[in-house]
Amino acid sequence: MSENELGLFLRLRREAVTPAEAGLPAGPRRRTPGLRRSELATLAGVSVEYLTRLEQGRDRHPSASVLIALADALRLSPAQRVHLLNFAKAGDPNFNCRGGSGPNRRVRPAVRAMLDQLEPAPAALMNRLSEILAVTDGYRALFEPTGLLDGGLPGSYARYVLSDPRAREVYPDWEHKADKVVATLKQGPGRADPFVNALVEELATTVGPEFTRRLDTIPGLPDTNGVGRLTHPEAGPLRLAYETLNLSADDDQYLMVYLPADDATATALDRLVGRRPGGLRAVAG
């Protein structure tokens, strides 16, 4: 995992913002569509030398006011702002707000009841190691044929996506899915958490450069919703809208809920879960 997460995040966001989005002229002879360091420094009111130190990891403790100025200049979303401002709080990279507590694998009765209410939608309860702790019948019908739940519960979504060859057939956009898995492991304390670190070390050994390259180039900020494609062994191509619903900090768990993103997927899911037609309606986006 990169030891310069702040610098990595700033550089990637700078390269993703075009001059037009920042209200600047594109100008001639641009080697990148993103902002130059000098442009971002001017917009944020800091020196180019200081921004260079931040991106290179030679200064890892900027003030909150500097981070706010950078967030404004980079047009960050609320989630990206929270991620950036967390760097101001992390004075000690070894600090872990969870202490030495292991990943929570307990399924509270109220959470189990929530899953029951989500039927027939595919939904799963997961923890910070991307372990699958409890699922709806809809989730089981969708994912059991893919091999994801071969080992029973708890299952490891991270190990399946990154090391099971079937995952590449199931996910047409496997590269993006692998990126998201790595970003999920890196979020929060990342390798300062000994349990996350143990899983990272295991995957670095079993998966190799395809995993370690992502550790060094992907920030710990996974997307929490969107639409993904899945090639189901029985139902064929599906388009699924997904939402991440975080439980309390004490739970340290989240729900992943999937809904059909088009009518064809809705019909296919109804067949998979054995529900009447129209049990799952397609959602836009």
Protein backbone atom coordinates (compact mmCIF):
# COMPACT_ATOMS: atom_id res chain seq x y z
CA MET A 1 0.00 0.00 0.00
CA SER A 2 1.24 3.47 -0.85
CA GLU A 3 2.78 5.27 2.12
CA ASN A 4 1.75 8.58 0.58
CA GLU A 5 -2.04 8.30 0.39
CA LEU A 6 -2.56 12.07 0.63
CA GLY A 7 -0.18 12.77 -2.25
CA LEU A 8 -1.73 9.99 -4.34
CA PHE A 9 -5.23 11.36 -3.81
CA LEU A 10 -4.26 14.96 -4.60
CA ARG A 11 -2.43 13.99 -7.77
CA LEU A 12 -5.22 11.78 -9.07
CA ARG A 13 -7.86 14.44 -8.42
CA ARG A 14 -5.70 17.19 -9.99
CA GLU A 15 -5.27 15.09 -13.11
CA ALA A 16 -9.05 14.44 -13.24
CA VAL A 17 -10.12 18.12 -13.21
CA THR A 18 -9.98 19.91 -16.56
CA PRO A 19 -9.06 23.61 -16.80
CA ALA A 20 -12.57 24.33 -18.09
CA GLU A 21 -14.12 22.75 -14.99
CA ALA A 22 -11.88 24.97 -12.83
CA GLY A 23 -12.76 28.08 -14.84
CA LEU A 24 -9.37 28.30 -16.55
CA PRO A 25 -8.44 28.48 -20.25
CA ALA A 26 -7.03 25.26 -21.65
CA GLY A 27 -4.10 27.00 -23.30
CA PRO A 28 -1.66 25.45 -25.81
CA ARG A 29 0.74 22.53 -25.46
CA ARG A 30 -0.98 20.69 -22.63
CA ARG A 31 0.46 17.24 -22.00
CA THR A 32 -2.43 16.24 -19.72
CA PRO A 33 -6.15 17.09 -19.72
CA GLY A 34 -5.98 17.80 -15.98
CA LEU A 35 -4.67 20.77 -14.05
CA ARG A 36 -1.00 21.64 -13.84
CA ARG A 37 0.49 21.94 -10.36
CA SER A 38 0.94 25.66 -10.90
CA GLU A 39 -2.75 26.05 -11.77
CA LEU A 40 -3.96 24.14 -8.72
CA ALA A 41 -1.53 26.02 -6.48
CA THR A 42 -2.86 29.36 -7.74
CA LEU A 43 -6.49 28.32 -7.30
CA ALA A 44 -5.84 27.05 -3.76
CA GLY A 45 -3.62 29.97 -2.74
CA VAL A 46 -0.54 27.89 -1.93
CA SER A 47 2.92 27.82 -3.49
CA VAL A 48 3.85 25.36 -6.20
CA GLU A 49 6.73 24.19 -4.01
CA TYR A 50 4.37 23.40 -1.14
CA LEU A 51 1.92 21.54 -3.39
CA THR A 52 4.85 19.56 -4.80
CA ARG A 53 5.91 18.56 -1.28
CA LEU A 54 2.35 17.39 -0.53
CA GLU A 55 2.08 15.31 -3.70
CA GLN A 56 5.53 13.78 -3.21
CA GLY A 57 4.87 12.93 0.43
CA ARG A 58 7.57 15.21 1.81
CA ASP A 59 4.91 17.08 3.82
CA ARG A 60 2.06 14.92 5.13
CA HIS A 61 0.53 17.22 7.72
CA PRO A 62 -1.21 20.13 5.96
CA SER A 63 -3.57 22.28 7.97
CA ALA A 64 -7.32 21.89 7.63
CA SER A 65 -7.51 25.32 5.98
CA VAL A 66 -5.09 24.25 3.25
CA LEU A 67 -7.05 21.06 2.63
CA ILE A 68 -10.30 23.03 2.43
CA ALA A 69 -8.75 25.36 -0.14
CA LEU A 70 -7.54 22.37 -2.16
CA ALA A 71 -10.97 20.74 -1.91
CA ASP A 72 -12.60 23.91 -3.26
CA ALA A 73 -10.13 24.18 -6.12
CA LEU A 74 -10.53 20.51 -7.04
CA ARG A 75 -14.34 20.69 -6.96
CA LEU A 76 -14.49 17.72 -4.59
CA SER A 77 -17.75 15.97 -3.79
CA PRO A 78 -18.87 15.77 -0.13
CA ALA A 79 -17.50 12.22 0.20
CA GLN A 80 -14.18 13.25 -1.34
CA ARG A 81 -13.98 16.24 1.02
CA VAL A 82 -14.46 14.02 4.06
CA HIS A 83 -11.79 11.66 2.73
CA LEU A 84 -9.36 14.55 2.21
CA LEU A 85 -10.03 16.20 5.57
CA ASN A 86 -9.45 12.90 7.34
CA PHE A 87 -5.79 13.30 6.39
CA ALA A 88 -5.65 16.37 8.65
CA LYS A 89 -6.82 14.24 11.59
CA ALA A 90 -4.44 11.37 10.94
CA GLY A 91 -1.32 12.86 12.46
CA ASP A 92 -0.11 9.40 13.37
CA PRO A 93 -0.43 6.96 10.45
CA ASN A 94 -0.49 4.08 12.92
CA PHE A 95 -3.56 5.43 14.72
CA ASN A 96 -6.59 3.20 14.38
CA CYS A 97 -9.87 4.36 15.87
CA ARG A 98 -10.97 0.72 16.14
CA GLY A 99 -8.00 -0.18 18.32
CA GLY A 100 -7.14 -3.85 18.16
CA SER A 101 -10.72 -5.09 17.80
CA GLY A 102 -11.25 -7.72 15.18
CA PRO A 103 -13.74 -7.47 12.32
CA ASN A 104 -17.33 -7.68 13.54
CA ARG A 105 -18.89 -10.94 12.35
CA ARG A 106 -21.94 -10.78 14.61
CA VAL A 107 -25.29 -10.32 12.89
CA ARG A 108 -27.62 -8.35 15.13
CA PRO A 109 -31.25 -9.56 15.14
CA ALA A 110 -32.47 -6.15 13.98
CA VAL A 111 -30.08 -6.25 11.03
CA ARG A 112 -31.20 -9.77 10.17
CA ALA A 113 -34.79 -8.49 10.23
CA MET A 114 -33.81 -5.65 7.88
CA LEU A 115 -32.42 -8.19 5.42
CA ASP A 116 -35.67 -10.14 5.61
CA GLN A 117 -37.60 -6.99 4.77
CA LEU A 118 -35.41 -6.41 1.71
CA GLU A 119 -36.52 -9.68 0.09
CA PRO A 120 -36.65 -10.48 -2.79
CA ALA A 121 -33.85 -7.99 -3.53
CA PRO A 122 -30.31 -9.40 -3.45
CA ALA A 123 -28.69 -7.91 -0.34
CA ALA A 124 -25.78 -8.84 1.93
CA LEU A 125 -24.33 -7.73 5.26
CA MET A 126 -20.56 -7.17 5.03
CA ASN A 127 -17.73 -5.99 7.29
CA ARG A 128 -14.49 -4.05 6.73
CA LEU A 129 -12.70 -7.13 5.38
CA SER A 130 -15.42 -7.46 2.71
CA GLU A 131 -16.58 -10.64 4.43
CA ILE A 132 -20.15 -11.67 3.56
CA LEU A 133 -21.88 -12.32 6.88
CA ALA A 134 -25.58 -12.73 6.06
CA VAL A 135 -27.60 -12.62 2.85
CA THR A 136 -31.14 -12.54 1.54
CA ASP A 137 -32.55 -15.44 -0.44
CA GLY A 138 -32.41 -13.14 -3.46
CA TYR A 139 -28.65 -12.65 -2.98
CA ARG A 140 -28.13 -16.39 -2.61
CA ALA A 141 -30.09 -17.10 -5.79
CA LEU A 142 -28.07 -14.48 -7.68
CA PHE A 143 -24.57 -15.28 -6.46
CA GLU A 144 -24.48 -18.98 -5.51
CA PRO A 145 -24.19 -20.08 -9.18
CA THR A 146 -21.17 -17.78 -9.62
CA GLY A 147 -19.15 -19.61 -6.96
CA LEU A 148 -19.02 -16.63 -4.60
CA LEU A 149 -20.64 -18.55 -1.75
CA ASP A 150 -18.91 -21.91 -2.32
CA GLY A 151 -17.31 -21.82 1.12
CA GLY A 152 -20.51 -20.86 2.92
CA LEU A 153 -20.81 -17.88 5.26
CA PRO A 154 -18.87 -15.87 6.11
CA GLY A 155 -17.54 -15.65 2.58
CA SER A 156 -14.74 -13.42 1.31
CA TYR A 157 -15.78 -11.10 -1.50
CA ALA A 158 -12.24 -9.70 -1.80
CA ARG A 159 -10.65 -13.14 -2.24
CA TYR A 160 -13.31 -14.17 -4.77
CA VAL A 161 -13.00 -11.09 -6.97
CA LEU A 162 -9.21 -10.89 -6.89
CA SER A 163 -8.17 -14.55 -6.98
CA ASP A 164 -11.03 -16.72 -8.30
CA PRO A 165 -10.80 -17.03 -12.12
CA ARG A 166 -14.60 -17.31 -12.31
CA ALA A 167 -14.91 -13.69 -11.18
CA ARG A 168 -13.42 -12.47 -14.46
CA GLU A 169 -16.16 -14.29 -16.34
CA VAL A 170 -18.90 -13.11 -14.02
CA TYR A 171 -17.87 -9.43 -14.12
CA PRO A 172 -17.41 -8.02 -17.65
CA ASP A 173 -15.97 -4.91 -16.00
CA TRP A 174 -13.64 -6.92 -13.78
CA GLU A 175 -10.92 -4.25 -13.74
CA HIS A 176 -13.30 -1.73 -12.18
CA LYS A 177 -14.59 -4.33 -9.73
CA ALA A 178 -11.04 -5.18 -8.64
CA ASP A 179 -10.28 -1.47 -8.23
CA LYS A 180 -13.30 -1.09 -5.96
CA VAL A 181 -12.31 -4.06 -3.80
CA VAL A 182 -8.84 -2.61 -3.24
CA ALA A 183 -10.26 0.87 -2.52
CA THR A 184 -12.60 -0.69 0.06
CA LEU A 185 -9.72 -2.40 1.86
CA LYS A 186 -7.72 0.85 1.86
CA GLN A 187 -10.45 3.11 3.22
CA GLY A 188 -10.33 4.28 6.82
CA PRO A 189 -7.26 3.09 8.74
CA GLY A 190 -6.19 0.73 5.96
CA ARG A 191 -3.11 -1.26 6.92
CA ALA A 192 -2.96 0.38 10.33
CA ASP A 193 -5.69 -2.17 11.05
CA PRO A 194 -3.81 -5.44 11.70
CA PHE A 195 -6.66 -7.57 10.33
CA VAL A 196 -6.83 -5.60 7.09
CA ASN A 197 -3.03 -5.71 6.90
CA ALA A 198 -3.03 -9.52 7.24
CA LEU A 199 -5.52 -9.83 4.36
CA VAL A 200 -3.51 -7.37 2.25
CA GLU A 201 -0.30 -9.34 2.85
CA GLU A 202 -2.09 -12.56 1.89
CA LEU A 203 -3.48 -11.08 -1.34
CA ALA A 204 -0.11 -9.53 -2.21
CA THR A 205 1.34 -13.04 -2.08
CA THR A 206 -1.48 -14.98 -3.77
CA VAL A 207 -2.49 -12.40 -6.42
CA GLY A 208 0.84 -10.66 -6.95
CA PRO A 209 1.55 -7.51 -9.00
CA GLU A 210 -2.03 -7.13 -10.23
CA PHE A 211 -2.99 -6.51 -6.60
CA THR A 212 0.06 -4.60 -5.39
CA ARG A 213 -0.11 -2.24 -8.37
CA ARG A 214 -3.61 -1.26 -7.30
CA LEU A 215 -2.46 -0.72 -3.73
CA ASP A 216 -0.01 1.88 -5.00
CA THR A 217 -2.29 3.68 -7.45
CA ILE A 218 -5.88 3.60 -6.13
CA PRO A 219 -7.05 5.86 -3.28
CA GLY A 220 -9.10 4.42 -0.44
CA LEU A 221 -12.36 5.95 -1.59
CA PRO A 222 -14.63 3.32 -3.19
CA ASP A 223 -17.80 4.33 -4.97
CA THR A 224 -20.89 3.61 -2.88
CA ASN A 225 -23.49 3.35 -5.63
CA GLY A 226 -23.75 2.92 -9.36
CA VAL A 227 -24.71 0.40 -12.02
CA GLY A 228 -22.63 -2.68 -12.79
CA ARG A 229 -22.79 -5.54 -15.26
CA LEU A 230 -22.87 -9.20 -14.29
CA THR A 231 -22.84 -12.25 -16.57
CA HIS A 232 -24.84 -14.84 -14.71
CA PRO A 233 -24.19 -18.55 -15.47
CA GLU A 234 -27.94 -19.20 -15.71
CA ALA A 235 -29.64 -15.85 -16.33
CA GLY A 236 -27.12 -14.35 -18.74
CA PRO A 237 -26.21 -10.63 -18.91
CA LEU A 238 -27.63 -8.51 -16.09
CA ARG A 239 -27.42 -4.82 -15.21
CA LEU A 240 -27.61 -4.17 -11.48
CA ALA A 241 -27.90 -0.91 -9.59
CA TYR A 242 -26.08 -1.15 -6.25
CA GLU A 243 -26.26 0.89 -3.05
CA THR A 244 -24.01 0.77 0.02
CA LEU A 245 -25.84 1.41 3.30
CA ASN A 246 -23.47 1.93 6.23
CA LEU A 247 -24.55 0.87 9.71
CA SER A 248 -23.28 2.62 12.85
CA ALA A 249 -19.59 3.00 13.64
CA ASP A 250 -20.08 0.52 16.49
CA ASP A 251 -21.38 -2.09 14.06
CA ASP A 252 -18.52 -1.49 11.60
CA GLN A 253 -20.65 -3.17 8.93
CA TYR A 254 -22.61 -2.20 5.84
CA LEU A 255 -25.39 -3.52 3.64
CA MET A 256 -24.89 -4.02 -0.09
CA VAL A 257 -28.23 -3.95 -1.90
CA TYR A 258 -28.76 -4.73 -5.59
CA LEU A 259 -31.73 -3.78 -7.75
CA PRO A 260 -32.40 -4.42 -11.44
CA ALA A 261 -31.33 -1.49 -13.60
CA ASP A 262 -33.52 -2.43 -16.56
CA ASP A 263 -36.68 -4.42 -17.29
CA ALA A 264 -34.81 -7.40 -18.75
CA THR A 265 -32.77 -7.75 -15.55
CA ALA A 266 -35.92 -7.39 -13.42
CA THR A 267 -37.54 -10.26 -15.31
CA ALA A 268 -34.41 -12.40 -15.00
CA LEU A 269 -34.14 -11.80 -11.26
CA ASP A 270 -37.82 -12.66 -10.76
CA ARG A 271 -37.12 -16.02 -12.41
CA LEU A 272 -33.99 -16.62 -10.34
CA VAL A 273 -35.66 -15.98 -6.99
CA GLY A 274 -38.89 -17.72 -7.98
CA ARG A 275 -41.07 -14.66 -7.46
CA ARG A 276 -44.08 -13.50 -9.41
CA PRO A 277 -43.33 -11.15 -12.33
CA GLY A 278 -42.98 -7.60 -11.11
CA GLY A 279 -41.65 -8.60 -7.70
CA LEU A 280 -38.54 -6.56 -8.46
CA ARG A 281 -39.00 -3.39 -10.48
CA ALA A 282 -36.25 -1.81 -12.50
CA VAL A 283 -34.80 1.44 -11.17
CA ALA A 284 -33.44 4.27 -13.27
CA GLY A 285 -29.67 4.87 -13.24
